[in-house]
Amino acid sequence: MAARCRIRAATSADLAAIVAIERASFPDPWSAEAFRAHLGDVFLVAESTAALAGYAVAWSLGSEGEILNLAVAPSDRGRGTGRALLDALLGELARRAVHRAFLEVRLSNRAARCLYERAGFREVGRRRGYYQRPREDALVLARDLPEEVTRA
């Protein structure tokens, strides 16, 4: 099902909702301060009706980018919001001349792994014991970006 949301740049006014989604999504959540530090990076939110449905954060250095965090509110999962955020994030990275994007994902996070695999990411490595709560390996995924990425 296609997402019915508007994607826009995150602002400091979004941080409380972002932190709430983060806490509902991850056992070792980022703090509001960690998110605030990335407001100058590629930081997008998805709005559905009157609430934030999700967010995505990335940064770039030269021709490489890294997706740092992506989450969708539990009530909005399964509606295409994660894919819409990912596509918009990859599009923005491509506009910044990024040619390859990386990310880490928990080995046990099947939903995220499926999302990333359907978007063309492939495993390029593993970081043993990367996540601490609970302790778990991270898969390192990468995808080459075409010179022009369009939203699906």
C-alpha atoms as a PDB file:
ATOM      1  CA  MET A   1       0.000   0.000   0.000  1.00  0.00           C
ATOM      2  CA  ALA A   2       1.402   3.407  -0.931  1.00  0.00           C
ATOM      3  CA  ALA A   3       2.155   5.894   1.797  1.00  0.00           C
ATOM      4  CA  ARG A   4      -0.219   8.811   2.128  1.00  0.00           C
ATOM      5  CA  CYS A   5       2.126  11.175   3.812  1.00  0.00           C
ATOM      6  CA  ARG A   6       3.992  14.374   3.179  1.00  0.00           C
ATOM      7  CA  ILE A   7       7.773  14.243   3.466  1.00  0.00           C
ATOM      8  CA  ARG A   8       9.558  17.387   4.604  1.00  0.00           C
ATOM      9  CA  ALA A   9      12.688  18.522   6.432  1.00  0.00           C
ATOM     10  CA  ALA A  10      12.675  17.962  10.181  1.00  0.00           C
ATOM     11  CA  THR A  11      12.643  20.947  12.524  1.00  0.00           C
ATOM     12  CA  SER A  12      13.337  21.329  16.226  1.00  0.00           C
ATOM     13  CA  ALA A  13       9.560  21.458  16.769  1.00  0.00           C
ATOM     14  CA  ASP A  14       9.405  17.818  15.604  1.00  0.00           C
ATOM     15  CA  LEU A  15      11.883  16.471  18.153  1.00  0.00           C
ATOM     16  CA  ALA A  16       9.396  15.397  20.855  1.00  0.00           C
ATOM     17  CA  ALA A  17       7.384  13.338  18.344  1.00  0.00           C
ATOM     18  CA  ILE A  18      10.577  11.916  16.818  1.00  0.00           C
ATOM     19  CA  VAL A  19      11.854  10.826  20.234  1.00  0.00           C
ATOM     20  CA  ALA A  20       8.480   9.194  21.003  1.00  0.00           C
ATOM     21  CA  ILE A  21       8.673   7.177  17.762  1.00  0.00           C
ATOM     22  CA  GLU A  22      12.309   6.311  18.495  1.00  0.00           C
ATOM     23  CA  ARG A  23      11.464   5.009  21.984  1.00  0.00           C
ATOM     24  CA  ALA A  24       8.594   2.922  20.596  1.00  0.00           C
ATOM     25  CA  SER A  25      10.881   1.469  17.922  1.00  0.00           C
ATOM     26  CA  PHE A  26      14.276   0.682  19.435  1.00  0.00           C
ATOM     27  CA  PRO A  27      15.568  -0.900  22.662  1.00  0.00           C
ATOM     28  CA  ASP A  28      18.503   1.551  22.804  1.00  0.00           C
ATOM     29  CA  PRO A  29      16.927   4.836  21.624  1.00  0.00           C
ATOM     30  CA  TRP A  30      18.669   8.043  20.626  1.00  0.00           C
ATOM     31  CA  SER A  31      18.174  11.065  22.873  1.00  0.00           C
ATOM     32  CA  ALA A  32      16.567  14.335  21.809  1.00  0.00           C
ATOM     33  CA  GLU A  33      20.065  15.870  21.914  1.00  0.00           C
ATOM     34  CA  ALA A  34      21.383  13.254  19.481  1.00  0.00           C
ATOM     35  CA  PHE A  35      18.592  14.078  17.048  1.00  0.00           C
ATOM     36  CA  ARG A  36      19.071  17.823  17.543  1.00  0.00           C
ATOM     37  CA  ALA A  37      22.731  17.442  16.538  1.00  0.00           C
ATOM     38  CA  HIS A  38      21.613  16.105  13.136  1.00  0.00           C
ATOM     39  CA  LEU A  39      19.136  18.850  12.238  1.00  0.00           C
ATOM     40  CA  GLY A  40      21.694  20.287   9.800  1.00  0.00           C
ATOM     41  CA  ASP A  41      22.150  16.925   8.048  1.00  0.00           C
ATOM     42  CA  VAL A  42      19.690  15.131   5.783  1.00  0.00           C
ATOM     43  CA  PHE A  43      16.835  14.783   8.279  1.00  0.00           C
ATOM     44  CA  LEU A  44      13.338  14.133   6.980  1.00  0.00           C
ATOM     45  CA  VAL A  45       9.964  13.479   8.585  1.00  0.00           C
ATOM     46  CA  ALA A  46       6.791  11.949   7.197  1.00  0.00           C
ATOM     47  CA  GLU A  47       3.525  13.575   8.219  1.00  0.00           C
ATOM     48  CA  SER A  48       0.236  11.724   8.058  1.00  0.00           C
ATOM     49  CA  THR A  49      -2.995  13.580   8.733  1.00  0.00           C
ATOM     50  CA  ALA A  50      -2.047  15.519  11.877  1.00  0.00           C
ATOM     51  CA  ALA A  51       0.869  13.560  13.327  1.00  0.00           C
ATOM     52  CA  LEU A  52       4.389  12.513  12.493  1.00  0.00           C
ATOM     53  CA  ALA A  53       4.408   9.033  11.015  1.00  0.00           C
ATOM     54  CA  GLY A  54       8.179   8.581  10.876  1.00  0.00           C
ATOM     55  CA  TYR A  55      11.614  10.046  10.314  1.00  0.00           C
ATOM     56  CA  ALA A  56      14.904   9.329   8.586  1.00  0.00           C
ATOM     57  CA  VAL A  57      18.384  10.741   9.224  1.00  0.00           C
ATOM     58  CA  ALA A  58      21.512  10.546   7.073  1.00  0.00           C
ATOM     59  CA  TRP A  59      24.758  12.404   6.530  1.00  0.00           C
ATOM     60  CA  SER A  60      27.187  12.565   3.680  1.00  0.00           C
ATOM     61  CA  LEU A  61      30.896  13.083   3.234  1.00  0.00           C
ATOM     62  CA  GLY A  62      32.149  13.396  -0.305  1.00  0.00           C
ATOM     63  CA  SER A  63      30.622  10.730  -2.503  1.00  0.00           C
ATOM     64  CA  GLU A  64      29.500   8.494   0.372  1.00  0.00           C
ATOM     65  CA  GLY A  65      26.505   8.738   2.660  1.00  0.00           C
ATOM     66  CA  GLU A  66      25.281   6.862   5.680  1.00  0.00           C
ATOM     67  CA  ILE A  67      21.713   6.322   6.776  1.00  0.00           C
ATOM     68  CA  LEU A  68      21.931   6.757  10.521  1.00  0.00           C
ATOM     69  CA  ASN A  69      18.365   6.184  11.641  1.00  0.00           C
ATOM     70  CA  LEU A  70      14.947   5.468  10.163  1.00  0.00           C
ATOM     71  CA  ALA A  71      11.765   4.611  12.028  1.00  0.00           C
ATOM     72  CA  VAL A  72       8.017   4.620  11.508  1.00  0.00           C
ATOM     73  CA  ALA A  73       5.448   5.016  14.271  1.00  0.00           C
ATOM     74  CA  PRO A  74       3.925   1.638  15.186  1.00  0.00           C
ATOM     75  CA  SER A  75       0.467   2.840  14.112  1.00  0.00           C
ATOM     76  CA  ASP A  76       1.757   3.766  10.638  1.00  0.00           C
ATOM     77  CA  ARG A  77       3.779   0.655   9.825  1.00  0.00           C
ATOM     78  CA  GLY A  78       2.919  -1.443   6.811  1.00  0.00           C
ATOM     79  CA  ARG A  79       1.585   1.523   4.827  1.00  0.00           C
ATOM     80  CA  GLY A  80       4.639   2.380   2.742  1.00  0.00           C
ATOM     81  CA  THR A  81       5.840   5.197   4.992  1.00  0.00           C
ATOM     82  CA  GLY A  82       9.264   3.640   5.560  1.00  0.00           C
ATOM     83  CA  ARG A  83       9.799   3.186   1.817  1.00  0.00           C
ATOM     84  CA  ALA A  84       8.637   6.747   1.099  1.00  0.00           C
ATOM     85  CA  LEU A  85      11.115   8.088   3.669  1.00  0.00           C
ATOM     86  CA  LEU A  86      13.915   5.890   2.339  1.00  0.00           C
ATOM     87  CA  ASP A  87      13.281   6.935  -1.259  1.00  0.00           C
ATOM     88  CA  ALA A  88      13.216  10.625  -0.302  1.00  0.00           C
ATOM     89  CA  LEU A  89      16.406  10.228   1.750  1.00  0.00           C
ATOM     90  CA  LEU A  90      18.226   8.480  -1.107  1.00  0.00           C
ATOM     91  CA  GLY A  91      17.017  11.159  -3.502  1.00  0.00           C
ATOM     92  CA  GLU A  92      18.407  13.901  -1.288  1.00  0.00           C
ATOM     93  CA  LEU A  93      21.719  12.072  -0.908  1.00  0.00           C
ATOM     94  CA  ALA A  94      21.947  11.711  -4.697  1.00  0.00           C
ATOM     95  CA  ARG A  95      21.279  15.454  -5.093  1.00  0.00           C
ATOM     96  CA  ARG A  96      24.260  15.995  -2.782  1.00  0.00           C
ATOM     97  CA  ALA A  97      26.466  13.975  -5.181  1.00  0.00           C
ATOM     98  CA  VAL A  98      26.509  10.831  -3.017  1.00  0.00           C
ATOM     99  CA  HIS A  99      27.261   7.777  -5.156  1.00  0.00           C
ATOM    100  CA  ARG A 100      27.075   5.074  -2.469  1.00  0.00           C
ATOM    101  CA  ALA A 101      24.933   4.841   0.660  1.00  0.00           C
ATOM    102  CA  PHE A 102      25.642   2.623   3.675  1.00  0.00           C
ATOM    103  CA  LEU A 103      23.719   1.644   6.800  1.00  0.00           C
ATOM    104  CA  GLU A 104      23.797  -0.783   9.694  1.00  0.00           C
ATOM    105  CA  VAL A 105      20.786  -2.883  10.640  1.00  0.00           C
ATOM    106  CA  ARG A 106      20.216  -5.369  13.443  1.00  0.00           C
ATOM    107  CA  LEU A 107      20.520  -8.948  12.288  1.00  0.00           C
ATOM    108  CA  SER A 108      17.131  -9.693  13.918  1.00  0.00           C
ATOM    109  CA  ASN A 109      15.277  -6.722  12.355  1.00  0.00           C
ATOM    110  CA  ARG A 110      13.631  -8.626   9.509  1.00  0.00           C
ATOM    111  CA  ALA A 111      11.193  -5.862   8.581  1.00  0.00           C
ATOM    112  CA  ALA A 112      13.998  -3.318   8.126  1.00  0.00           C
ATOM    113  CA  ARG A 113      16.196  -5.808   6.290  1.00  0.00           C
ATOM    114  CA  CYS A 114      13.355  -6.543   3.837  1.00  0.00           C
ATOM    115  CA  LEU A 115      12.754  -2.820   3.306  1.00  0.00           C
ATOM    116  CA  TYR A 116      16.410  -2.196   2.540  1.00  0.00           C
ATOM    117  CA  GLU A 117      16.801  -5.272   0.330  1.00  0.00           C
ATOM    118  CA  ARG A 118      13.732  -4.290  -1.733  1.00  0.00           C
ATOM    119  CA  ALA A 119      15.331  -0.851  -2.142  1.00  0.00           C
ATOM    120  CA  GLY A 120      18.479  -2.399  -3.620  1.00  0.00           C
ATOM    121  CA  PHE A 121      20.773  -2.560  -0.574  1.00  0.00           C
ATOM    122  CA  ARG A 122      23.099  -5.564  -0.326  1.00  0.00           C
ATOM    123  CA  GLU A 123      25.149  -6.923   2.559  1.00  0.00           C
ATOM    124  CA  VAL A 124      28.792  -5.836   2.431  1.00  0.00           C
ATOM    125  CA  GLY A 125      29.875  -6.703   5.959  1.00  0.00           C
ATOM    126  CA  ARG A 126      29.018  -7.504   9.539  1.00  0.00           C
ATOM    127  CA  ARG A 127      29.900  -5.762  12.788  1.00  0.00           C
ATOM    128  CA  ARG A 128      30.011  -8.286  15.607  1.00  0.00           C
ATOM    129  CA  GLY A 129      28.449  -7.097  18.865  1.00  0.00           C
ATOM    130  CA  TYR A 130      27.706  -3.660  17.374  1.00  0.00           C
ATOM    131  CA  TYR A 131      24.415  -3.189  19.214  1.00  0.00           C
ATOM    132  CA  GLN A 132      24.553  -3.225  22.992  1.00  0.00           C
ATOM    133  CA  ARG A 133      20.918  -3.502  24.196  1.00  0.00           C
ATOM    134  CA  PRO A 134      20.535  -6.328  23.536  1.00  0.00           C
ATOM    135  CA  ARG A 135      23.959  -7.289  22.299  1.00  0.00           C
ATOM    136  CA  GLU A 136      23.686  -8.213  18.646  1.00  0.00           C
ATOM    137  CA  ASP A 137      25.538  -8.113  15.365  1.00  0.00           C
ATOM    138  CA  ALA A 138      24.855  -5.462  12.756  1.00  0.00           C
ATOM    139  CA  LEU A 139      24.738  -6.162   9.060  1.00  0.00           C
ATOM    140  CA  VAL A 140      26.414  -3.469   6.981  1.00  0.00           C
ATOM    141  CA  LEU A 141      24.413  -2.823   3.821  1.00  0.00           C
ATOM    142  CA  ALA A 142      25.313  -0.663   0.831  1.00  0.00           C
ATOM    143  CA  ARG A 143      23.693   0.546  -2.340  1.00  0.00           C
ATOM    144  CA  ASP A 144      25.081   2.478  -5.277  1.00  0.00           C
ATOM    145  CA  LEU A 145      23.011   5.522  -6.165  1.00  0.00           C
ATOM    146  CA  PRO A 146      22.357   6.500  -9.745  1.00  0.00           C
ATOM    147  CA  GLU A 147      23.152  10.063 -10.682  1.00  0.00           C
ATOM    148  CA  GLU A 148      19.473  10.860 -10.585  1.00  0.00           C
ATOM    149  CA  VAL A 149      17.198   9.121  -8.067  1.00  0.00           C
ATOM    150  CA  THR A 150      13.477   9.654  -8.344  1.00  0.00           C
ATOM    151  CA  ARG A 151      10.816   8.935  -5.772  1.00  0.00           C
ATOM    152  CA  ALA A 152       8.895   5.749  -6.339  1.00  0.00           C
END
